[in-house]
Structures are given as C-alpha cells and as structure tokens.
C-alpha cells in the first residue's frame, strides 16, 4: 500500500533579507538612502506577512532604522536603543510620532500630544521618528495601548500628493502607505526632497511587481 499523501503543502523558502517567499523577493528594489533622522517602525502583527505591506522595503532602504512587530512595546524598545549614528554623535534624540493630532481620539482616552520644540526641527540628526505601520483602526489601537506614544510630539503631514499605492484601497486620495508617509516626513524634517526620490522609485517598482503578480493570477 502506498503511503498516505500529506495534506499540508511544503513550506516555501524565504529570502533571509526581505523575509518574503523567494519567488516574491523584493530585494531588487532595495535602494539605501542616506538619512539623518533616526526611524523606528512599529508594525502591527497583521501587517508582518501582508505581501502588499511597504514597511519591510522602507526598513531595508533606511540604514538608520529599526522595525519592531507587536501591539504593545516597552519603554526600552521605544526609547532605549539609539542607532549607531546617534551614539557616534553623542546626542540624545528627540522622539516624535508620525501621526495626525485627531481631537476625536480624546473620546478613546488618548492624550493630546505636546508641541514639538521649535529648535528640535532645526537639527534632523537630533530626531527619532516613530512610525505606526497598520490600518487606521490598528494604528489607533496601538496608540491607545502605548501611553508612552501619546506623550510624544506629533508630526502631521500637510499638502500631500495623491498616493502611488495602487495595490491597496484608501478612503482618501492623500492616505499614503507607510513608506510614502515616512518618506514625506523625512523630506519635511531634513529639508531635502531630492534625497528621497530613489526611495519613491523603489516603491513604484515594488507596486508594479505586486500588480504583475495580480495579473498573473487573474
């Protein structure tokens, strides 16, 4: 008698860098960009294996960035691990959160954020930008579950261009992907839009790759 056929499919090999299946590797689009602002990406667990997510590509393109996955984070995870560049300069970085100040959040018990000191925005190398990677609902939950984030000054982006994120639906044209929003924030904080154009080009290539996969399956 022949042995029974296993019901489970074999595990697909994953790329050690981008953590995606090797057939969907995005490492070809990774374009390291020199940046002064330290970046900490806080990723909701539901985004970790989402093939349309942009956080991993963002992290791989930003040498002075970290990516943590979870819903609740310790103060040490949020503030206790400065980047190598910050240590070399001997500076304590001012943390700020990339998130709009939404008065309706007060009903959920989310505190009003303090104002970012004017002098801090004049020194990009003294800043650490914290970014929430998740849907609006999940990002709001992460903010609610982490009071330390509520007490950070916030960076709210204004006058944004339409999103290039053609693989996910958005309620508004200016609702950007995590990569696009972070890129816009870095442009604003560092005062150099040209520097981050290669990152947006990498994102366009990533989106085109995902659209091609979708057409193949259609």
C-alpha atoms as a PDB file:
ATOM      1  CA  UNK A   1       0.000   0.000   0.000  1.00  0.00           C
ATOM      2  CA  UNK A   2       1.267   3.429  -0.896  1.00  0.00           C
ATOM      3  CA  UNK A   3       1.967   5.831   1.984  1.00  0.00           C
ATOM      4  CA  UNK A   4      -0.694   8.488   2.535  1.00  0.00           C
ATOM      5  CA  UNK A   5      -0.174  11.773   0.746  1.00  0.00           C
ATOM      6  CA  UNK A   6       0.465  14.583   3.266  1.00  0.00           C
ATOM      7  CA  UNK A   7      -2.312  17.141   3.371  1.00  0.00           C
ATOM      8  CA  UNK A   8      -0.024  20.033   4.196  1.00  0.00           C
ATOM      9  CA  UNK A   9       1.817  21.838   1.404  1.00  0.00           C
ATOM     10  CA  UNK A  10       5.601  22.246   1.647  1.00  0.00           C
ATOM     11  CA  UNK A  11       6.841  25.458   3.255  1.00  0.00           C
ATOM     12  CA  UNK A  12       8.157  27.846   0.632  1.00  0.00           C
ATOM     13  CA  UNK A  13      11.733  29.004   1.065  1.00  0.00           C
ATOM     14  CA  UNK A  14      12.000  32.612   2.166  1.00  0.00           C
ATOM     15  CA  UNK A  15      14.554  35.287   1.431  1.00  0.00           C
ATOM     16  CA  UNK A  16      16.697  35.866   4.514  1.00  0.00           C
ATOM     17  CA  UNK A  17      16.719  39.639   3.941  1.00  0.00           C
ATOM     18  CA  UNK A  18      13.186  40.691   2.976  1.00  0.00           C
ATOM     19  CA  UNK A  19      11.565  37.614   4.615  1.00  0.00           C
ATOM     20  CA  UNK A  20       9.296  37.029   1.625  1.00  0.00           C
ATOM     21  CA  UNK A  21       8.984  33.824  -0.400  1.00  0.00           C
ATOM     22  CA  UNK A  22      11.927  33.699  -2.781  1.00  0.00           C
ATOM     23  CA  UNK A  23       9.614  33.916  -5.782  1.00  0.00           C
ATOM     24  CA  UNK A  24       8.283  37.239  -4.447  1.00  0.00           C
ATOM     25  CA  UNK A  25      11.575  38.674  -3.172  1.00  0.00           C
ATOM     26  CA  UNK A  26      11.721  42.489  -3.174  1.00  0.00           C
ATOM     27  CA  UNK A  27      15.457  42.859  -2.574  1.00  0.00           C
ATOM     28  CA  UNK A  28      15.976  44.009  -6.176  1.00  0.00           C
ATOM     29  CA  UNK A  29      14.206  47.243  -5.256  1.00  0.00           C
ATOM     30  CA  UNK A  30      16.154  47.973  -2.079  1.00  0.00           C
ATOM     31  CA  UNK A  31      17.899  51.328  -2.504  1.00  0.00           C
ATOM     32  CA  UNK A  32      19.790  52.502   0.607  1.00  0.00           C
ATOM     33  CA  UNK A  33      19.281  56.219   1.211  1.00  0.00           C
ATOM     34  CA  UNK A  34      21.471  58.317   3.493  1.00  0.00           C
ATOM     35  CA  UNK A  35      19.319  59.980   6.139  1.00  0.00           C
ATOM     36  CA  UNK A  36      19.889  61.925   9.337  1.00  0.00           C
ATOM     37  CA  UNK A  37      16.636  61.307  11.207  1.00  0.00           C
ATOM     38  CA  UNK A  38      16.556  58.014  13.096  1.00  0.00           C
ATOM     39  CA  UNK A  39      13.458  55.936  12.198  1.00  0.00           C
ATOM     40  CA  UNK A  40      11.648  53.363  14.338  1.00  0.00           C
ATOM     41  CA  UNK A  41       8.871  51.446  12.550  1.00  0.00           C
ATOM     42  CA  UNK A  42       6.274  49.871  14.850  1.00  0.00           C
ATOM     43  CA  UNK A  43       4.464  47.257  12.831  1.00  0.00           C
ATOM     44  CA  UNK A  44       1.124  45.739  13.761  1.00  0.00           C
ATOM     45  CA  UNK A  45       1.348  41.903  13.703  1.00  0.00           C
ATOM     46  CA  UNK A  46      -1.315  41.670  10.991  1.00  0.00           C
ATOM     47  CA  UNK A  47       0.965  43.617   8.640  1.00  0.00           C
ATOM     48  CA  UNK A  48       4.007  41.379   9.112  1.00  0.00           C
ATOM     49  CA  UNK A  49       3.063  38.828   6.433  1.00  0.00           C
ATOM     50  CA  UNK A  50       0.975  41.111   4.243  1.00  0.00           C
ATOM     51  CA  UNK A  51       2.510  40.909   0.741  1.00  0.00           C
ATOM     52  CA  UNK A  52       1.246  44.424  -0.023  1.00  0.00           C
ATOM     53  CA  UNK A  53       2.893  45.971   3.023  1.00  0.00           C
ATOM     54  CA  UNK A  54       5.660  48.536   2.440  1.00  0.00           C
ATOM     55  CA  UNK A  55       7.326  48.617   5.881  1.00  0.00           C
ATOM     56  CA  UNK A  56       9.954  45.961   5.160  1.00  0.00           C
ATOM     57  CA  UNK A  57      11.087  47.725   1.981  1.00  0.00           C
ATOM     58  CA  UNK A  58      11.208  51.010   3.901  1.00  0.00           C
ATOM     59  CA  UNK A  59      13.319  49.449   6.646  1.00  0.00           C
ATOM     60  CA  UNK A  60      15.762  47.896   4.176  1.00  0.00           C
ATOM     61  CA  UNK A  61      16.200  51.238   2.390  1.00  0.00           C
ATOM     62  CA  UNK A  62      16.883  53.233   5.580  1.00  0.00           C
ATOM     63  CA  UNK A  63      20.208  52.233   7.193  1.00  0.00           C
ATOM     64  CA  UNK A  64      19.387  54.045  10.456  1.00  0.00           C
ATOM     65  CA  UNK A  65      16.044  52.365  11.050  1.00  0.00           C
ATOM     66  CA  UNK A  66      14.601  49.589  13.199  1.00  0.00           C
ATOM     67  CA  UNK A  67      11.437  47.560  12.684  1.00  0.00           C
ATOM     68  CA  UNK A  68       9.579  46.075  15.659  1.00  0.00           C
ATOM     69  CA  UNK A  69       6.425  43.968  15.328  1.00  0.00           C
ATOM     70  CA  UNK A  70       3.775  43.924  18.049  1.00  0.00           C
ATOM     71  CA  UNK A  71       0.900  45.837  19.622  1.00  0.00           C
ATOM     72  CA  UNK A  72       2.445  46.792  22.969  1.00  0.00           C
ATOM     73  CA  UNK A  73       6.047  47.947  23.364  1.00  0.00           C
ATOM     74  CA  UNK A  74       8.249  48.583  26.384  1.00  0.00           C
ATOM     75  CA  UNK A  75       9.859  51.954  27.029  1.00  0.00           C
ATOM     76  CA  UNK A  76      13.219  50.336  26.358  1.00  0.00           C
ATOM     77  CA  UNK A  77      12.060  49.167  22.932  1.00  0.00           C
ATOM     78  CA  UNK A  78      10.722  52.619  22.121  1.00  0.00           C
ATOM     79  CA  UNK A  79      13.450  54.819  23.565  1.00  0.00           C
ATOM     80  CA  UNK A  80      16.290  52.695  24.905  1.00  0.00           C
ATOM     81  CA  UNK A  81      18.084  51.546  21.758  1.00  0.00           C
ATOM     82  CA  UNK A  82      19.595  54.511  19.917  1.00  0.00           C
ATOM     83  CA  UNK A  83      21.066  53.961  16.480  1.00  0.00           C
ATOM     84  CA  UNK A  84      24.795  53.658  15.952  1.00  0.00           C
ATOM     85  CA  UNK A  85      24.820  57.057  14.284  1.00  0.00           C
ATOM     86  CA  UNK A  86      23.253  58.686  17.336  1.00  0.00           C
ATOM     87  CA  UNK A  87      25.774  57.093  19.666  1.00  0.00           C
ATOM     88  CA  UNK A  88      28.652  58.225  17.462  1.00  0.00           C
ATOM     89  CA  UNK A  89      27.467  61.812  17.696  1.00  0.00           C
ATOM     90  CA  UNK A  90      26.848  61.533  21.428  1.00  0.00           C
ATOM     91  CA  UNK A  91      23.368  63.024  21.142  1.00  0.00           C
ATOM     92  CA  UNK A  92      20.099  62.120  22.807  1.00  0.00           C
ATOM     93  CA  UNK A  93      17.469  62.100  20.121  1.00  0.00           C
ATOM     94  CA  UNK A  94      14.131  63.878  20.470  1.00  0.00           C
ATOM     95  CA  UNK A  95      11.393  61.346  19.656  1.00  0.00           C
ATOM     96  CA  UNK A  96       8.326  62.368  17.691  1.00  0.00           C
ATOM     97  CA  UNK A  97       5.419  60.342  16.340  1.00  0.00           C
ATOM     98  CA  UNK A  98       4.268  60.403  12.745  1.00  0.00           C
ATOM     99  CA  UNK A  99       0.546  60.601  13.420  1.00  0.00           C
ATOM    100  CA  UNK A 100      -2.027  63.393  12.989  1.00  0.00           C
ATOM    101  CA  UNK A 101      -3.440  65.116  16.047  1.00  0.00           C
ATOM    102  CA  UNK A 102      -7.074  63.980  15.920  1.00  0.00           C
ATOM    103  CA  UNK A 103      -9.288  65.579  18.607  1.00  0.00           C
ATOM    104  CA  UNK A 104     -11.859  62.783  18.214  1.00  0.00           C
ATOM    105  CA  UNK A 105      -9.276  60.410  19.696  1.00  0.00           C
ATOM    106  CA  UNK A 106      -9.763  62.106  23.071  1.00  0.00           C
ATOM    107  CA  UNK A 107     -13.020  60.134  23.409  1.00  0.00           C
ATOM    108  CA  UNK A 108     -10.903  56.971  23.476  1.00  0.00           C
ATOM    109  CA  UNK A 109      -8.766  58.305  26.297  1.00  0.00           C
ATOM    110  CA  UNK A 110      -5.830  59.239  24.052  1.00  0.00           C
ATOM    111  CA  UNK A 111      -3.999  62.238  25.465  1.00  0.00           C
ATOM    112  CA  UNK A 112      -3.409  65.415  23.482  1.00  0.00           C
ATOM    113  CA  UNK A 113       0.201  65.436  22.245  1.00  0.00           C
ATOM    114  CA  UNK A 114       2.744  68.044  23.380  1.00  0.00           C
ATOM    115  CA  UNK A 115       4.184  70.523  20.910  1.00  0.00           C
ATOM    116  CA  UNK A 116       7.490  69.694  19.246  1.00  0.00           C
ATOM    117  CA  UNK A 117      10.134  72.216  20.389  1.00  0.00           C
ATOM    118  CA  UNK A 118      10.937  74.588  17.522  1.00  0.00           C
ATOM    119  CA  UNK A 119      14.679  74.106  17.891  1.00  0.00           C
ATOM    120  CA  UNK A 120      14.366  70.322  17.532  1.00  0.00           C
ATOM    121  CA  UNK A 121      13.102  70.523  13.954  1.00  0.00           C
ATOM    122  CA  UNK A 122      16.173  72.546  13.006  1.00  0.00           C
ATOM    123  CA  UNK A 123      18.515  69.628  13.761  1.00  0.00           C
ATOM    124  CA  UNK A 124      17.455  66.494  11.858  1.00  0.00           C
ATOM    125  CA  UNK A 125      20.323  64.486  13.339  1.00  0.00           C
ATOM    126  CA  UNK A 126      18.817  65.014  16.804  1.00  0.00           C
ATOM    127  CA  UNK A 127      15.441  63.451  15.905  1.00  0.00           C
ATOM    128  CA  UNK A 128      13.935  59.990  16.069  1.00  0.00           C
ATOM    129  CA  UNK A 129      10.753  59.470  14.057  1.00  0.00           C
ATOM    130  CA  UNK A 130       8.368  56.749  15.274  1.00  0.00           C
ATOM    131  CA  UNK A 131       6.043  55.358  12.615  1.00  0.00           C
ATOM    132  CA  UNK A 132       2.969  53.157  13.129  1.00  0.00           C
ATOM    133  CA  UNK A 133       2.554  50.553  10.388  1.00  0.00           C
ATOM    134  CA  UNK A 134      -1.039  49.367  10.226  1.00  0.00           C
ATOM    135  CA  UNK A 135      -4.525  50.302   9.120  1.00  0.00           C
ATOM    136  CA  UNK A 136      -6.029  53.425  10.690  1.00  0.00           C
ATOM    137  CA  UNK A 137      -8.001  51.256  13.122  1.00  0.00           C
ATOM    138  CA  UNK A 138      -4.972  49.173  14.108  1.00  0.00           C
ATOM    139  CA  UNK A 139      -2.714  52.223  14.377  1.00  0.00           C
ATOM    140  CA  UNK A 140      -5.196  53.930  16.673  1.00  0.00           C
ATOM    141  CA  UNK A 141      -5.349  50.809  18.844  1.00  0.00           C
ATOM    142  CA  UNK A 142      -1.543  50.735  19.066  1.00  0.00           C
ATOM    143  CA  UNK A 143      -1.556  54.379  20.125  1.00  0.00           C
ATOM    144  CA  UNK A 144      -4.186  53.648  22.780  1.00  0.00           C
ATOM    145  CA  UNK A 145      -2.288  50.621  24.133  1.00  0.00           C
ATOM    146  CA  UNK A 146       1.013  52.501  24.403  1.00  0.00           C
ATOM    147  CA  UNK A 147       0.585  55.599  26.612  1.00  0.00           C
ATOM    148  CA  UNK A 148       4.255  56.486  26.098  1.00  0.00           C
ATOM    149  CA  UNK A 149       3.470  57.178  22.443  1.00  0.00           C
ATOM    150  CA  UNK A 150       0.642  59.510  23.416  1.00  0.00           C
ATOM    151  CA  UNK A 151       3.071  61.780  25.223  1.00  0.00           C
ATOM    152  CA  UNK A 152       5.280  62.331  22.182  1.00  0.00           C
ATOM    153  CA  UNK A 153       5.102  65.419  19.952  1.00  0.00           C
ATOM    154  CA  UNK A 154       3.454  64.544  16.665  1.00  0.00           C
ATOM    155  CA  UNK A 155       4.354  65.292  13.096  1.00  0.00           C
ATOM    156  CA  UNK A 156       1.247  65.803  10.989  1.00  0.00           C
ATOM    157  CA  UNK A 157       1.834  65.962   7.239  1.00  0.00           C
ATOM    158  CA  UNK A 158       0.120  68.623   5.166  1.00  0.00           C
ATOM    159  CA  UNK A 159      -0.383  69.189   1.439  1.00  0.00           C
ATOM    160  CA  UNK A 160       0.345  65.604   0.458  1.00  0.00           C
ATOM    161  CA  UNK A 161       0.248  64.414  -3.171  1.00  0.00           C
ATOM    162  CA  UNK A 162      -2.075  61.569  -4.206  1.00  0.00           C
ATOM    163  CA  UNK A 163      -0.843  58.156  -3.147  1.00  0.00           C
ATOM    164  CA  UNK A 164       1.072  55.973  -5.598  1.00  0.00           C
ATOM    165  CA  UNK A 165      -0.114  52.923  -3.624  1.00  0.00           C
ATOM    166  CA  UNK A 166      -2.250  51.296  -6.322  1.00  0.00           C
ATOM    167  CA  UNK A 167      -2.389  47.869  -4.675  1.00  0.00           C
ATOM    168  CA  UNK A 168      -4.403  48.836  -1.575  1.00  0.00           C
ATOM    169  CA  UNK A 169      -7.630  50.783  -1.235  1.00  0.00           C
ATOM    170  CA  UNK A 170      -7.682  54.093   0.634  1.00  0.00           C
ATOM    171  CA  UNK A 171     -10.638  56.152   1.810  1.00  0.00           C
ATOM    172  CA  UNK A 172      -8.977  59.396   0.752  1.00  0.00           C
ATOM    173  CA  UNK A 173      -6.534  60.127  -2.130  1.00  0.00           C
ATOM    174  CA  UNK A 174      -3.958  61.529   0.298  1.00  0.00           C
ATOM    175  CA  UNK A 175      -3.923  58.467   2.563  1.00  0.00           C
ATOM    176  CA  UNK A 176      -0.433  57.156   1.972  1.00  0.00           C
ATOM    177  CA  UNK A 177       1.380  53.897   2.506  1.00  0.00           C
ATOM    178  CA  UNK A 178       3.783  53.641   5.433  1.00  0.00           C
ATOM    179  CA  UNK A 179       6.717  54.094   3.057  1.00  0.00           C
ATOM    180  CA  UNK A 180       5.220  57.144   1.332  1.00  0.00           C
ATOM    181  CA  UNK A 181       4.240  58.827   4.610  1.00  0.00           C
ATOM    182  CA  UNK A 182       7.659  58.236   6.152  1.00  0.00           C
ATOM    183  CA  UNK A 183       9.356  59.492   3.012  1.00  0.00           C
ATOM    184  CA  UNK A 184       7.250  62.675   3.091  1.00  0.00           C
ATOM    185  CA  UNK A 185       8.099  63.145   6.777  1.00  0.00           C
ATOM    186  CA  UNK A 186      11.826  62.761   6.148  1.00  0.00           C
ATOM    187  CA  UNK A 187      11.649  65.214   3.256  1.00  0.00           C
ATOM    188  CA  UNK A 188       9.986  67.705   5.583  1.00  0.00           C
ATOM    189  CA  UNK A 189      12.297  67.170   8.546  1.00  0.00           C
ATOM    190  CA  UNK A 190      15.530  67.105   6.575  1.00  0.00           C
ATOM    191  CA  UNK A 191      14.510  69.765   4.060  1.00  0.00           C
ATOM    192  CA  UNK A 192      15.656  67.700   1.093  1.00  0.00           C
ATOM    193  CA  UNK A 193      13.052  66.201  -1.223  1.00  0.00           C
ATOM    194  CA  UNK A 194      15.548  65.120  -3.898  1.00  0.00           C
ATOM    195  CA  UNK A 195      17.443  62.853  -1.493  1.00  0.00           C
ATOM    196  CA  UNK A 196      14.433  60.575  -1.009  1.00  0.00           C
ATOM    197  CA  UNK A 197      13.286  60.309  -4.626  1.00  0.00           C
ATOM    198  CA  UNK A 198      15.175  56.988  -5.083  1.00  0.00           C
ATOM    199  CA  UNK A 199      13.103  55.586  -2.216  1.00  0.00           C
ATOM    200  CA  UNK A 200       9.890  56.531  -4.009  1.00  0.00           C
ATOM    201  CA  UNK A 201      11.233  54.986  -7.222  1.00  0.00           C
ATOM    202  CA  UNK A 202      11.918  51.762  -5.300  1.00  0.00           C
ATOM    203  CA  UNK A 203       8.329  51.899  -4.045  1.00  0.00           C
ATOM    204  CA  UNK A 204       6.982  52.336  -7.590  1.00  0.00           C
ATOM    205  CA  UNK A 205       8.913  49.232  -8.672  1.00  0.00           C
ATOM    206  CA  UNK A 206       7.552  47.283  -5.695  1.00  0.00           C
ATOM    207  CA  UNK A 207       3.972  48.306  -6.556  1.00  0.00           C
ATOM    208  CA  UNK A 208       4.497  47.340 -10.207  1.00  0.00           C
ATOM    209  CA  UNK A 209       5.792  43.937  -9.092  1.00  0.00           C
ATOM    210  CA  UNK A 210       2.700  43.322  -6.968  1.00  0.00           C
ATOM    211  CA  UNK A 211       0.391  44.382  -9.808  1.00  0.00           C
ATOM    212  CA  UNK A 212       2.162  41.967 -12.135  1.00  0.00           C
ATOM    213  CA  UNK A 213       1.584  39.109  -9.675  1.00  0.00           C
ATOM    214  CA  UNK A 214      -2.091  40.053  -9.526  1.00  0.00           C
ATOM    215  CA  UNK A 215      -2.428  39.991 -13.301  1.00  0.00           C
ATOM    216  CA  UNK A 216      -0.727  36.580 -13.480  1.00  0.00           C
ATOM    217  CA  UNK A 217      -3.309  35.137 -11.100  1.00  0.00           C
ATOM    218  CA  UNK A 218      -6.267  36.705 -12.941  1.00  0.00           C
END
